[in-house]
Amino acid sequence: MARHLGRPNDLSSPELDLIFSALSNPTRRGIVARLSEGDSTVTELAKPFAMSLPAVSKHLHALEGAGIVSMAKEGRTYHCHLEPVPLARAAQWIGFYKRLWGRQLDSLTEFLKESREASG
């Protein structure tokens, strides 16, 4: 008997859209990876990328708009901080579907095993 897994209902579709859209870009994922090691300034974050400071700033604003990054201005310097809650929510959403597909594949495996045993 298949058990019903409740869908993650604490996430609104617009929130997920912002999170996954922000993470869809490799530069933004690189920024998130860097910030997972600790806070950084915009200038420090821009160093490994072959793009202008304004271009990196646009990526940061997309991450900030999704709630993944927060930025604080100190003098003329912007400090960036990774906010873990949106990433945890995205992981929760992905985890739900991972469990769902895992159960689907387990059911298929059991079906195939029973079919082989029945045929001989």
PDB file of N, CA and C in Angstrom:
ATOM      1  N   MET A   1       0.851  -1.186   0.000  1.00  0.00           N
ATOM      2  CA  MET A   1       0.000   0.000   0.000  1.00  0.00           C
ATOM      3  C   MET A   1       0.892   1.242   0.000  1.00  0.00           C
ATOM      4  N   ALA A   2       0.645   2.101  -0.944  1.00  0.00           N
ATOM      5  CA  ALA A   2       1.446   3.330  -1.065  1.00  0.00           C
ATOM      6  C   ALA A   2       0.988   4.344  -0.031  1.00  0.00           C
ATOM      7  N   ARG A   3       1.966   4.938   0.633  1.00  0.00           N
ATOM      8  CA  ARG A   3       1.654   6.010   1.585  1.00  0.00           C
ATOM      9  C   ARG A   3       1.699   7.336   0.863  1.00  0.00           C
ATOM     10  N   HIS A   4       0.776   8.197   1.231  1.00  0.00           N
ATOM     11  CA  HIS A   4       0.743   9.528   0.625  1.00  0.00           C
ATOM     12  C   HIS A   4       1.721  10.435   1.351  1.00  0.00           C
ATOM     13  N   LEU A   5       2.595  11.030   0.591  1.00  0.00           N
ATOM     14  CA  LEU A   5       3.514  12.030   1.154  1.00  0.00           C
ATOM     15  C   LEU A   5       2.877  13.389   0.987  1.00  0.00           C
ATOM     16  N   GLY A   6       2.732  14.118   2.058  1.00  0.00           N
ATOM     17  CA  GLY A   6       2.181  15.467   1.952  1.00  0.00           C
ATOM     18  C   GLY A   6       3.129  16.367   1.189  1.00  0.00           C
ATOM     19  N   ARG A   7       2.596  17.105   0.282  1.00  0.00           N
ATOM     20  CA  ARG A   7       3.423  18.049  -0.476  1.00  0.00           C
ATOM     21  C   ARG A   7       3.901  19.156   0.443  1.00  0.00           C
ATOM     22  N   PRO A   8       5.085  19.672   0.188  1.00  0.00           N
ATOM     23  CA  PRO A   8       5.547  20.798   1.002  1.00  0.00           C
ATOM     24  C   PRO A   8       4.619  21.987   0.784  1.00  0.00           C
ATOM     25  N   ASN A   9       3.878  22.353   1.797  1.00  0.00           N
ATOM     26  CA  ASN A   9       2.891  23.420   1.616  1.00  0.00           C
ATOM     27  C   ASN A   9       3.309  24.730   2.267  1.00  0.00           C
ATOM     28  N   ASP A  10       4.497  24.763   2.843  1.00  0.00           N
ATOM     29  CA  ASP A  10       4.946  26.010   3.457  1.00  0.00           C
ATOM     30  C   ASP A  10       5.695  26.899   2.472  1.00  0.00           C
ATOM     31  N   LEU A  11       5.804  26.453   1.233  1.00  0.00           N
ATOM     32  CA  LEU A  11       6.502  27.242   0.216  1.00  0.00           C
ATOM     33  C   LEU A  11       5.520  27.704  -0.837  1.00  0.00           C
ATOM     34  N   SER A  12       5.507  28.988  -1.057  1.00  0.00           N
ATOM     35  CA  SER A  12       4.673  29.500  -2.131  1.00  0.00           C
ATOM     36  C   SER A  12       5.444  29.364  -3.438  1.00  0.00           C
ATOM     37  N   SER A  13       4.744  29.194  -4.510  1.00  0.00           N
ATOM     38  CA  SER A  13       5.386  29.068  -5.811  1.00  0.00           C
ATOM     39  C   SER A  13       6.252  30.283  -6.151  1.00  0.00           C
ATOM     40  N   PRO A  14       5.801  31.522  -5.882  1.00  0.00           N
ATOM     41  CA  PRO A  14       6.671  32.667  -6.191  1.00  0.00           C
ATOM     42  C   PRO A  14       8.000  32.632  -5.427  1.00  0.00           C
ATOM     43  N   GLU A  15       7.966  32.153  -4.189  1.00  0.00           N
ATOM     44  CA  GLU A  15       9.209  32.063  -3.414  1.00  0.00           C
ATOM     45  C   GLU A  15      10.164  31.065  -4.057  1.00  0.00           C
ATOM     46  N   LEU A  16       9.641  29.906  -4.420  1.00  0.00           N
ATOM     47  CA  LEU A  16      10.476  28.904  -5.087  1.00  0.00           C
ATOM     48  C   LEU A  16      10.992  29.427  -6.422  1.00  0.00           C
ATOM     49  N   ASP A  17      10.139  30.118  -7.158  1.00  0.00           N
ATOM     50  CA  ASP A  17      10.559  30.674  -8.442  1.00  0.00           C
ATOM     51  C   ASP A  17      11.761  31.601  -8.266  1.00  0.00           C
ATOM     52  N   LEU A  18      11.714  32.459  -7.261  1.00  0.00           N
ATOM     53  CA  LEU A  18      12.828  33.385  -7.017  1.00  0.00           C
ATOM     54  C   LEU A  18      14.098  32.634  -6.625  1.00  0.00           C
ATOM     55  N   ILE A  19      13.954  31.669  -5.737  1.00  0.00           N
ATOM     56  CA  ILE A  19      15.120  30.919  -5.259  1.00  0.00           C
ATOM     57  C   ILE A  19      15.776  30.160  -6.408  1.00  0.00           C
ATOM     58  N   PHE A  20      14.972  29.370  -7.133  1.00  0.00           N
ATOM     59  CA  PHE A  20      15.554  28.561  -8.203  1.00  0.00           C
ATOM     60  C   PHE A  20      16.025  29.405  -9.379  1.00  0.00           C
ATOM     61  N   SER A  21      15.359  30.505  -9.648  1.00  0.00           N
ATOM     62  CA  SER A  21      15.814  31.399 -10.708  1.00  0.00           C
ATOM     63  C   SER A  21      17.169  31.997 -10.337  1.00  0.00           C
ATOM     64  N   ALA A  22      17.308  32.413  -9.101  1.00  0.00           N
ATOM     65  CA  ALA A  22      18.586  32.992  -8.659  1.00  0.00           C
ATOM     66  C   ALA A  22      19.703  31.960  -8.727  1.00  0.00           C
ATOM     67  N   LEU A  23      19.395  30.711  -8.408  1.00  0.00           N
ATOM     68  CA  LEU A  23      20.417  29.661  -8.403  1.00  0.00           C
ATOM     69  C   LEU A  23      20.656  29.041  -9.778  1.00  0.00           C
ATOM     70  N   SER A  24      19.881  29.454 -10.773  1.00  0.00           N
ATOM     71  CA  SER A  24      20.018  28.856 -12.105  1.00  0.00           C
ATOM     72  C   SER A  24      21.269  29.333 -12.841  1.00  0.00           C
ATOM     73  N   ASN A  25      21.889  30.376 -12.352  1.00  0.00           N
ATOM     74  CA  ASN A  25      23.041  30.956 -13.015  1.00  0.00           C
ATOM     75  C   ASN A  25      24.338  30.475 -12.368  1.00  0.00           C
ATOM     76  N   PRO A  26      25.313  30.004 -13.161  1.00  0.00           N
ATOM     77  CA  PRO A  26      26.552  29.485 -12.573  1.00  0.00           C
ATOM     78  C   PRO A  26      27.360  30.533 -11.792  1.00  0.00           C
ATOM     79  N   THR A  27      27.318  31.784 -12.218  1.00  0.00           N
ATOM     80  CA  THR A  27      28.019  32.833 -11.476  1.00  0.00           C
ATOM     81  C   THR A  27      27.403  32.987 -10.098  1.00  0.00           C
ATOM     82  N   ARG A  28      26.092  32.981 -10.029  1.00  0.00           N
ATOM     83  CA  ARG A  28      25.408  33.116  -8.737  1.00  0.00           C
ATOM     84  C   ARG A  28      25.692  31.923  -7.841  1.00  0.00           C
ATOM     85  N   ARG A  29      25.721  30.729  -8.432  1.00  0.00           N
ATOM     86  CA  ARG A  29      26.065  29.553  -7.623  1.00  0.00           C
ATOM     87  C   ARG A  29      27.501  29.657  -7.105  1.00  0.00           C
ATOM     88  N   GLY A  30      28.387  30.219  -7.919  1.00  0.00           N
ATOM     89  CA  GLY A  30      29.768  30.443  -7.476  1.00  0.00           C
ATOM     90  C   GLY A  30      29.834  31.430  -6.322  1.00  0.00           C
ATOM     91  N   ILE A  31      29.027  32.469  -6.393  1.00  0.00           N
ATOM     92  CA  ILE A  31      28.967  33.454  -5.310  1.00  0.00           C
ATOM     93  C   ILE A  31      28.445  32.799  -4.034  1.00  0.00           C
ATOM     94  N   VAL A  32      27.398  31.979  -4.173  1.00  0.00           N
ATOM     95  CA  VAL A  32      26.846  31.270  -3.009  1.00  0.00           C
ATOM     96  C   VAL A  32      27.900  30.339  -2.412  1.00  0.00           C
ATOM     97  N   ALA A  33      28.627  29.631  -3.275  1.00  0.00           N
ATOM     98  CA  ALA A  33      29.684  28.733  -2.787  1.00  0.00           C
ATOM     99  C   ALA A  33      30.745  29.517  -2.019  1.00  0.00           C
ATOM    100  N   ARG A  34      31.144  30.659  -2.556  1.00  0.00           N
ATOM    101  CA  ARG A  34      32.145  31.488  -1.870  1.00  0.00           C
ATOM    102  C   ARG A  34      31.625  31.983  -0.534  1.00  0.00           C
ATOM    103  N   LEU A  35      30.366  32.447  -0.505  1.00  0.00           N
ATOM    104  CA  LEU A  35      29.800  32.968   0.747  1.00  0.00           C
ATOM    105  C   LEU A  35      29.538  31.868   1.764  1.00  0.00           C
ATOM    106  N   SER A  36      29.469  30.622   1.321  1.00  0.00           N
ATOM    107  CA  SER A  36      29.299  29.519   2.275  1.00  0.00           C
ATOM    108  C   SER A  36      30.545  29.371   3.152  1.00  0.00           C
ATOM    109  N   GLU A  37      31.654  29.955   2.717  1.00  0.00           N
ATOM    110  CA  GLU A  37      32.904  29.928   3.488  1.00  0.00           C
ATOM    111  C   GLU A  37      32.991  31.093   4.458  1.00  0.00           C
ATOM    112  N   GLY A  38      32.121  32.080   4.304  1.00  0.00           N
ATOM    113  CA  GLY A  38      32.129  33.234   5.191  1.00  0.00           C
ATOM    114  C   GLY A  38      31.753  34.505   4.450  1.00  0.00           C
ATOM    115  N   ASP A  39      31.454  35.546   5.207  1.00  0.00           N
ATOM    116  CA  ASP A  39      31.061  36.830   4.636  1.00  0.00           C
ATOM    117  C   ASP A  39      32.182  37.399   3.776  1.00  0.00           C
ATOM    118  N   SER A  40      31.806  38.262   2.843  1.00  0.00           N
ATOM    119  CA  SER A  40      32.780  38.828   1.922  1.00  0.00           C
ATOM    120  C   SER A  40      32.278  40.170   1.416  1.00  0.00           C
ATOM    121  N   THR A  41      33.193  40.972   0.903  1.00  0.00           N
ATOM    122  CA  THR A  41      32.791  42.228   0.269  1.00  0.00           C
ATOM    123  C   THR A  41      32.490  41.951  -1.207  1.00  0.00           C
ATOM    124  N   VAL A  42      31.799  42.879  -1.830  1.00  0.00           N
ATOM    125  CA  VAL A  42      31.486  42.744  -3.252  1.00  0.00           C
ATOM    126  C   VAL A  42      32.777  42.668  -4.063  1.00  0.00           C
ATOM    127  N   THR A  43      33.738  43.491  -3.727  1.00  0.00           N
ATOM    128  CA  THR A  43      35.014  43.498  -4.445  1.00  0.00           C
ATOM    129  C   THR A  43      35.712  42.148  -4.345  1.00  0.00           C
ATOM    130  N   GLU A  44      35.734  41.565  -3.154  1.00  0.00           N
ATOM    131  CA  GLU A  44      36.353  40.244  -2.981  1.00  0.00           C
ATOM    132  C   GLU A  44      35.599  39.175  -3.778  1.00  0.00           C
ATOM    133  N   LEU A  45      34.282  39.268  -3.785  1.00  0.00           N
ATOM    134  CA  LEU A  45      33.476  38.290  -4.521  1.00  0.00           C
ATOM    135  C   LEU A  45      33.704  38.394  -6.023  1.00  0.00           C
ATOM    136  N   ALA A  46      33.981  39.609  -6.508  1.00  0.00           N
ATOM    137  CA  ALA A  46      34.138  39.830  -7.941  1.00  0.00           C
ATOM    138  C   ALA A  46      35.470  39.315  -8.485  1.00  0.00           C
ATOM    139  N   LYS A  47      36.480  39.183  -7.642  1.00  0.00           N
ATOM    140  CA  LYS A  47      37.836  38.844  -8.101  1.00  0.00           C
ATOM    141  C   LYS A  47      37.913  37.603  -8.994  1.00  0.00           C
ATOM    142  N   PRO A  48      37.280  36.475  -8.640  1.00  0.00           N
ATOM    143  CA  PRO A  48      37.461  35.280  -9.483  1.00  0.00           C
ATOM    144  C   PRO A  48      36.668  35.301 -10.795  1.00  0.00           C
ATOM    145  N   PHE A  49      35.823  36.277 -10.984  1.00  0.00           N
ATOM    146  CA  PHE A  49      34.966  36.306 -12.169  1.00  0.00           C
ATOM    147  C   PHE A  49      35.495  37.295 -13.199  1.00  0.00           C
ATOM    148  N   ALA A  50      35.460  36.905 -14.452  1.00  0.00           N
ATOM    149  CA  ALA A  50      35.917  37.765 -15.546  1.00  0.00           C
ATOM    150  C   ALA A  50      34.764  38.663 -15.979  1.00  0.00           C
ATOM    151  N   MET A  51      34.356  39.546 -15.066  1.00  0.00           N
ATOM    152  CA  MET A  51      33.279  40.490 -15.376  1.00  0.00           C
ATOM    153  C   MET A  51      33.462  41.730 -14.529  1.00  0.00           C
ATOM    154  N   SER A  52      32.754  42.761 -14.907  1.00  0.00           N
ATOM    155  CA  SER A  52      32.872  44.036 -14.215  1.00  0.00           C
ATOM    156  C   SER A  52      32.206  43.972 -12.832  1.00  0.00           C
ATOM    157  N   LEU A  53      32.577  44.900 -11.994  1.00  0.00           N
ATOM    158  CA  LEU A  53      31.963  45.015 -10.672  1.00  0.00           C
ATOM    159  C   LEU A  53      30.451  45.253 -10.772  1.00  0.00           C
ATOM    160  N   PRO A  54      29.972  46.107 -11.701  1.00  0.00           N
ATOM    161  CA  PRO A  54      28.523  46.272 -11.845  1.00  0.00           C
ATOM    162  C   PRO A  54      27.807  44.973 -12.253  1.00  0.00           C
ATOM    163  N   ALA A  55      28.462  44.144 -13.071  1.00  0.00           N
ATOM    164  CA  ALA A  55      27.854  42.868 -13.469  1.00  0.00           C
ATOM    165  C   ALA A  55      27.727  41.936 -12.269  1.00  0.00           C
ATOM    166  N   VAL A  56      28.761  41.861 -11.436  1.00  0.00           N
ATOM    167  CA  VAL A  56      28.705  41.041 -10.221  1.00  0.00           C
ATOM    168  C   VAL A  56      27.631  41.589  -9.290  1.00  0.00           C
ATOM    169  N   SER A  57      27.541  42.899  -9.219  1.00  0.00           N
ATOM    170  CA  SER A  57      26.532  43.532  -8.385  1.00  0.00           C
ATOM    171  C   SER A  57      25.112  43.143  -8.821  1.00  0.00           C
ATOM    172  N   LYS A  58      24.885  43.031 -10.121  1.00  0.00           N
ATOM    173  CA  LYS A  58      23.568  42.599 -10.617  1.00  0.00           C
ATOM    174  C   LYS A  58      23.256  41.176 -10.154  1.00  0.00           C
ATOM    175  N   HIS A  59      24.257  40.309 -10.200  1.00  0.00           N
ATOM    176  CA  HIS A  59      24.067  38.935  -9.715  1.00  0.00           C
ATOM    177  C   HIS A  59      23.742  38.930  -8.216  1.00  0.00           C
ATOM    178  N   LEU A  60      24.458  39.766  -7.483  1.00  0.00           N
ATOM    179  CA  LEU A  60      24.202  39.849  -6.038  1.00  0.00           C
ATOM    180  C   LEU A  60      22.792  40.353  -5.748  1.00  0.00           C
ATOM    181  N   HIS A  61      22.318  41.282  -6.539  1.00  0.00           N
ATOM    182  CA  HIS A  61      20.956  41.798  -6.337  1.00  0.00           C
ATOM    183  C   HIS A  61      19.908  40.729  -6.628  1.00  0.00           C
ATOM    184  N   ALA A  62      20.180  39.867  -7.610  1.00  0.00           N
ATOM    185  CA  ALA A  62      19.261  38.758  -7.889  1.00  0.00           C
ATOM    186  C   ALA A  62      19.229  37.793  -6.694  1.00  0.00           C
ATOM    187  N   LEU A  63      20.402  37.508  -6.127  1.00  0.00           N
ATOM    188  CA  LEU A  63      20.467  36.630  -4.946  1.00  0.00           C
ATOM    189  C   LEU A  63      19.810  37.300  -3.742  1.00  0.00           C
ATOM    190  N   GLU A  64      20.010  38.601  -3.621  1.00  0.00           N
ATOM    191  CA  GLU A  64      19.401  39.341  -2.520  1.00  0.00           C
ATOM    192  C   GLU A  64      17.869  39.363  -2.668  1.00  0.00           C
ATOM    193  N   GLY A  65      17.392  39.530  -3.889  1.00  0.00           N
ATOM    194  CA  GLY A  65      15.959  39.538  -4.139  1.00  0.00           C
ATOM    195  C   GLY A  65      15.286  38.225  -3.793  1.00  0.00           C
ATOM    196  N   ALA A  66      16.047  37.131  -3.888  1.00  0.00           N
ATOM    197  CA  ALA A  66      15.529  35.809  -3.526  1.00  0.00           C
ATOM    198  C   ALA A  66      15.716  35.522  -2.041  1.00  0.00           C
ATOM    199  N   GLY A  67      16.372  36.446  -1.332  1.00  0.00           N
ATOM    200  CA  GLY A  67      16.598  36.260   0.098  1.00  0.00           C
ATOM    201  C   GLY A  67      17.797  35.395   0.426  1.00  0.00           C
ATOM    202  N   ILE A  68      18.562  35.006  -0.582  1.00  0.00           N
ATOM    203  CA  ILE A  68      19.695  34.097  -0.379  1.00  0.00           C
ATOM    204  C   ILE A  68      20.910  34.837   0.167  1.00  0.00           C
ATOM    205  N   VAL A  69      21.026  36.098  -0.181  1.00  0.00           N
ATOM    206  CA  VAL A  69      22.157  36.928   0.256  1.00  0.00           C
ATOM    207  C   VAL A  69      21.602  38.209   0.867  1.00  0.00           C
ATOM    208  N   SER A  70      22.237  38.643   1.946  1.00  0.00           N
ATOM    209  CA  SER A  70      21.927  39.967   2.485  1.00  0.00           C
ATOM    210  C   SER A  70      23.179  40.824   2.340  1.00  0.00           C
ATOM    211  N   MET A  71      22.956  42.113   2.146  1.00  0.00           N
ATOM    212  CA  MET A  71      24.072  43.035   1.959  1.00  0.00           C
ATOM    213  C   MET A  71      23.924  44.201   2.930  1.00  0.00           C
ATOM    214  N   ALA A  72      25.051  44.589   3.530  1.00  0.00           N
ATOM    215  CA  ALA A  72      25.064  45.717   4.456  1.00  0.00           C
ATOM    216  C   ALA A  72      26.173  46.673   4.016  1.00  0.00           C
ATOM    217  N   LYS A  73      25.835  47.945   4.005  1.00  0.00           N
ATOM    218  CA  LYS A  73      26.806  48.956   3.585  1.00  0.00           C
ATOM    219  C   LYS A  73      27.519  49.514   4.812  1.00  0.00           C
ATOM    220  N   GLU A  74      28.838  49.537   4.722  1.00  0.00           N
ATOM    221  CA  GLU A  74      29.671  50.121   5.771  1.00  0.00           C
ATOM    222  C   GLU A  74      30.615  51.099   5.081  1.00  0.00           C
ATOM    223  N   GLY A  75      30.322  52.375   5.191  1.00  0.00           N
ATOM    224  CA  GLY A  75      31.083  53.380   4.446  1.00  0.00           C
ATOM    225  C   GLY A  75      30.764  53.221   2.972  1.00  0.00           C
ATOM    226  N   ARG A  76      31.802  52.987   2.159  1.00  0.00           N
ATOM    227  CA  ARG A  76      31.584  52.766   0.725  1.00  0.00           C
ATOM    228  C   ARG A  76      31.652  51.288   0.361  1.00  0.00           C
ATOM    229  N   THR A  77      31.774  50.445   1.352  1.00  0.00           N
ATOM    230  CA  THR A  77      31.947  49.015   1.124  1.00  0.00           C
ATOM    231  C   THR A  77      30.676  48.251   1.454  1.00  0.00           C
ATOM    232  N   TYR A  78      30.308  47.340   0.549  1.00  0.00           N
ATOM    233  CA  TYR A  78      29.170  46.457   0.794  1.00  0.00           C
ATOM    234  C   TYR A  78      29.682  45.097   1.252  1.00  0.00           C
ATOM    235  N   HIS A  79      29.139  44.634   2.370  1.00  0.00           N
ATOM    236  CA  HIS A  79      29.477  43.323   2.918  1.00  0.00           C
ATOM    237  C   HIS A  79      28.316  42.385   2.625  1.00  0.00           C
ATOM    238  N   CYS A  80      28.630  41.188   2.159  1.00  0.00           N
ATOM    239  CA  CYS A  80      27.617  40.219   1.764  1.00  0.00           C
ATOM    240  C   CYS A  80      27.624  39.038   2.722  1.00  0.00           C
ATOM    241  N   HIS A  81      26.433  38.540   3.011  1.00  0.00           N
ATOM    242  CA  HIS A  81      26.248  37.440   3.956  1.00  0.00           C
ATOM    243  C   HIS A  81      25.267  36.446   3.350  1.00  0.00           C
ATOM    244  N   LEU A  82      25.585  35.156   3.446  1.00  0.00           N
ATOM    245  CA  LEU A  82      24.709  34.098   2.951  1.00  0.00           C
ATOM    246  C   LEU A  82      23.605  33.841   3.969  1.00  0.00           C
ATOM    247  N   GLU A  83      22.368  33.874   3.505  1.00  0.00           N
ATOM    248  CA  GLU A  83      21.207  33.593   4.349  1.00  0.00           C
ATOM    249  C   GLU A  83      20.780  32.148   4.091  1.00  0.00           C
ATOM    250  N   PRO A  84      20.885  31.273   5.072  1.00  0.00           N
ATOM    251  CA  PRO A  84      20.669  29.842   4.836  1.00  0.00           C
ATOM    252  C   PRO A  84      19.207  29.416   4.692  1.00  0.00           C
ATOM    253  N   VAL A  85      18.264  30.180   5.183  1.00  0.00           N
ATOM    254  CA  VAL A  85      16.866  29.726   5.193  1.00  0.00           C
ATOM    255  C   VAL A  85      16.325  29.452   3.787  1.00  0.00           C
ATOM    256  N   PRO A  86      16.496  30.347   2.803  1.00  0.00           N
ATOM    257  CA  PRO A  86      15.971  30.028   1.470  1.00  0.00           C
ATOM    258  C   PRO A  86      16.596  28.760   0.872  1.00  0.00           C
ATOM    259  N   LEU A  87      17.879  28.550   1.117  1.00  0.00           N
ATOM    260  CA  LEU A  87      18.534  27.340   0.606  1.00  0.00           C
ATOM    261  C   LEU A  87      17.973  26.101   1.291  1.00  0.00           C
ATOM    262  N   ALA A  88      17.694  26.213   2.584  1.00  0.00           N
ATOM    263  CA  ALA A  88      17.104  25.085   3.311  1.00  0.00           C
ATOM    264  C   ALA A  88      15.698  24.794   2.791  1.00  0.00           C
ATOM    265  N   ARG A  89      14.957  25.827   2.460  1.00  0.00           N
ATOM    266  CA  ARG A  89      13.605  25.633   1.920  1.00  0.00           C
ATOM    267  C   ARG A  89      13.658  24.977   0.548  1.00  0.00           C
ATOM    268  N   ALA A  90      14.603  25.379  -0.280  1.00  0.00           N
ATOM    269  CA  ALA A  90      14.763  24.744  -1.589  1.00  0.00           C
ATOM    270  C   ALA A  90      15.154  23.278  -1.411  1.00  0.00           C
ATOM    271  N   ALA A  91      16.041  23.008  -0.472  1.00  0.00           N
ATOM    272  CA  ALA A  91      16.455  21.629  -0.199  1.00  0.00           C
ATOM    273  C   ALA A  91      15.271  20.799   0.302  1.00  0.00           C
ATOM    274  N   GLN A  92      14.412  21.413   1.100  1.00  0.00           N
ATOM    275  CA  GLN A  92      13.220  20.719   1.586  1.00  0.00           C
ATOM    276  C   GLN A  92      12.316  20.337   0.414  1.00  0.00           C
ATOM    277  N   TRP A  93      12.118  21.257  -0.502  1.00  0.00           N
ATOM    278  CA  TRP A  93      11.275  21.003  -1.665  1.00  0.00           C
ATOM    279  C   TRP A  93      11.864  19.873  -2.515  1.00  0.00           C
ATOM    280  N   ILE A  94      13.172  19.948  -2.758  1.00  0.00           N
ATOM    281  CA  ILE A  94      13.854  18.907  -3.537  1.00  0.00           C
ATOM    282  C   ILE A  94      13.792  17.576  -2.790  1.00  0.00           C
ATOM    283  N   GLY A  95      13.978  17.612  -1.476  1.00  0.00           N
ATOM    284  CA  GLY A  95      13.941  16.394  -0.669  1.00  0.00           C
ATOM    285  C   GLY A  95      12.611  15.677  -0.755  1.00  0.00           C
ATOM    286  N   PHE A  96      11.519  16.432  -0.801  1.00  0.00           N
ATOM    287  CA  PHE A  96      10.199  15.828  -0.933  1.00  0.00           C
ATOM    288  C   PHE A  96      10.135  15.003  -2.217  1.00  0.00           C
ATOM    289  N   TYR A  97      10.572  15.589  -3.317  1.00  0.00           N
ATOM    290  CA  TYR A  97      10.494  14.889  -4.592  1.00  0.00           C
ATOM    291  C   TYR A  97      11.521  13.773  -4.687  1.00  0.00           C
ATOM    292  N   LYS A  98      12.627  13.904  -4.021  1.00  0.00           N
ATOM    293  CA  LYS A  98      13.614  12.821  -3.978  1.00  0.00           C
ATOM    294  C   LYS A  98      13.017  11.606  -3.271  1.00  0.00           C
ATOM    295  N   ARG A  99      12.341  11.835  -2.139  1.00  0.00           N
ATOM    296  CA  ARG A  99      11.696  10.725  -1.434  1.00  0.00           C
ATOM    297  C   ARG A  99      10.582  10.114  -2.275  1.00  0.00           C
ATOM    298  N   LEU A 100       9.809  10.968  -2.937  1.00  0.00           N
ATOM    299  CA  LEU A 100       8.714  10.490  -3.780  1.00  0.00           C
ATOM    300  C   LEU A 100       9.239   9.580  -4.879  1.00  0.00           C
ATOM    301  N   TRP A 101      10.265  10.039  -5.606  1.00  0.00           N
ATOM    302  CA  TRP A 101      10.814   9.232  -6.680  1.00  0.00           C
ATOM    303  C   TRP A 101      11.516   8.003  -6.149  1.00  0.00           C
ATOM    304  N   GLY A 102      12.127   8.100  -4.982  1.00  0.00           N
ATOM    305  CA  GLY A 102      12.753   6.926  -4.372  1.00  0.00           C
ATOM    306  C   GLY A 102      11.725   5.845  -4.108  1.00  0.00           C
ATOM    307  N   ARG A 103      10.582   6.238  -3.612  1.00  0.00           N
ATOM    308  CA  ARG A 103       9.514   5.265  -3.362  1.00  0.00           C
ATOM    309  C   ARG A 103       8.960   4.707  -4.661  1.00  0.00           C
ATOM    310  N   GLN A 104       8.856   5.557  -5.665  1.00  0.00           N
ATOM    311  CA  GLN A 104       8.376   5.088  -6.971  1.00  0.00           C
ATOM    312  C   GLN A 104       9.333   4.040  -7.536  1.00  0.00           C
ATOM    313  N   LEU A 105      10.630   4.316  -7.440  1.00  0.00           N
ATOM    314  CA  LEU A 105      11.621   3.374  -7.950  1.00  0.00           C
ATOM    315  C   LEU A 105      11.645   2.091  -7.129  1.00  0.00           C
ATOM    316  N   ASP A 106      11.459   2.195  -5.819  1.00  0.00           N
ATOM    317  CA  ASP A 106      11.376   0.997  -4.983  1.00  0.00           C
ATOM    318  C   ASP A 106      10.196   0.130  -5.400  1.00  0.00           C
ATOM    319  N   SER A 107       9.053   0.761  -5.688  1.00  0.00           N
ATOM    320  CA  SER A 107       7.864   0.028  -6.133  1.00  0.00           C
ATOM    321  C   SER A 107       8.120  -0.656  -7.475  1.00  0.00           C
ATOM    322  N   LEU A 108       8.785   0.042  -8.384  1.00  0.00           N
ATOM    323  CA  LEU A 108       9.109  -0.541  -9.678  1.00  0.00           C
ATOM    324  C   LEU A 108      10.043  -1.737  -9.514  1.00  0.00           C
ATOM    325  N   THR A 109      11.040  -1.613  -8.668  1.00  0.00           N
ATOM    326  CA  THR A 109      11.967  -2.710  -8.414  1.00  0.00           C
ATOM    327  C   THR A 109      11.222  -3.927  -7.879  1.00  0.00           C
ATOM    328  N   GLU A 110      10.332  -3.705  -6.929  1.00  0.00           N
ATOM    329  CA  GLU A 110       9.549  -4.800  -6.353  1.00  0.00           C
ATOM    330  C   GLU A 110       8.662  -5.451  -7.421  1.00  0.00           C
ATOM    331  N   PHE A 111       8.037  -4.644  -8.258  1.00  0.00           N
ATOM    332  CA  PHE A 111       7.190  -5.160  -9.339  1.00  0.00           C
ATOM    333  C   PHE A 111       8.003  -6.034 -10.287  1.00  0.00           C
ATOM    334  N   LEU A 112       9.172  -5.545 -10.691  1.00  0.00           N
ATOM    335  CA  LEU A 112      10.008  -6.313 -11.612  1.00  0.00           C
ATOM    336  C   LEU A 112      10.490  -7.611 -10.978  1.00  0.00           C
ATOM    337  N   LYS A 113      10.826  -7.563  -9.710  1.00  0.00           N
ATOM    338  CA  LYS A 113      11.264  -8.763  -8.992  1.00  0.00           C
ATOM    339  C   LYS A 113      10.121  -9.794  -8.961  1.00  0.00           C
ATOM    340  N   GLU A 114       8.919  -9.353  -8.630  1.00  0.00           N
ATOM    341  CA  GLU A 114       7.761 -10.253  -8.578  1.00  0.00           C
ATOM    342  C   GLU A 114       7.441 -10.795  -9.970  1.00  0.00           C
ATOM    343  N   SER A 115       7.585  -9.982 -11.005  1.00  0.00           N
ATOM    344  CA  SER A 115       7.321 -10.427 -12.380  1.00  0.00           C
ATOM    345  C   SER A 115       8.308 -11.513 -12.792  1.00  0.00           C
ATOM    346  N   ARG A 116       9.579 -11.348 -12.449  1.00  0.00           N
ATOM    347  CA  ARG A 116      10.599 -12.360 -12.762  1.00  0.00           C
ATOM    348  C   ARG A 116      10.314 -13.665 -12.034  1.00  0.00           C
ATOM    349  N   GLU A 117       9.931 -13.561 -10.755  1.00  0.00           N
ATOM    350  CA  GLU A 117       9.642 -14.762  -9.973  1.00  0.00           C
ATOM    351  C   GLU A 117       8.414 -15.486 -10.524  1.00  0.00           C
ATOM    352  N   ALA A 118       7.407 -14.746 -10.967  1.00  0.00           N
ATOM    353  CA  ALA A 118       6.179 -15.341 -11.489  1.00  0.00           C
ATOM    354  C   ALA A 118       6.406 -16.017 -12.850  1.00  0.00           C
ATOM    355  N   SER A 119       7.336 -15.465 -13.620  1.00  0.00           N
ATOM    356  CA  SER A 119       7.571 -16.022 -14.954  1.00  0.00           C
ATOM    357  C   SER A 119       8.590 -17.145 -14.941  1.00  0.00           C
ATOM    358  N   GLY A 120       9.178 -17.372 -13.816  1.00  0.00           N
ATOM    359  CA  GLY A 120       9.922 -18.507 -13.801  1.00  0.00           C
ATOM    360  C   GLY A 120      11.146 -18.927 -13.383  1.00  0.00           C
TER     361      GLY A 120
END
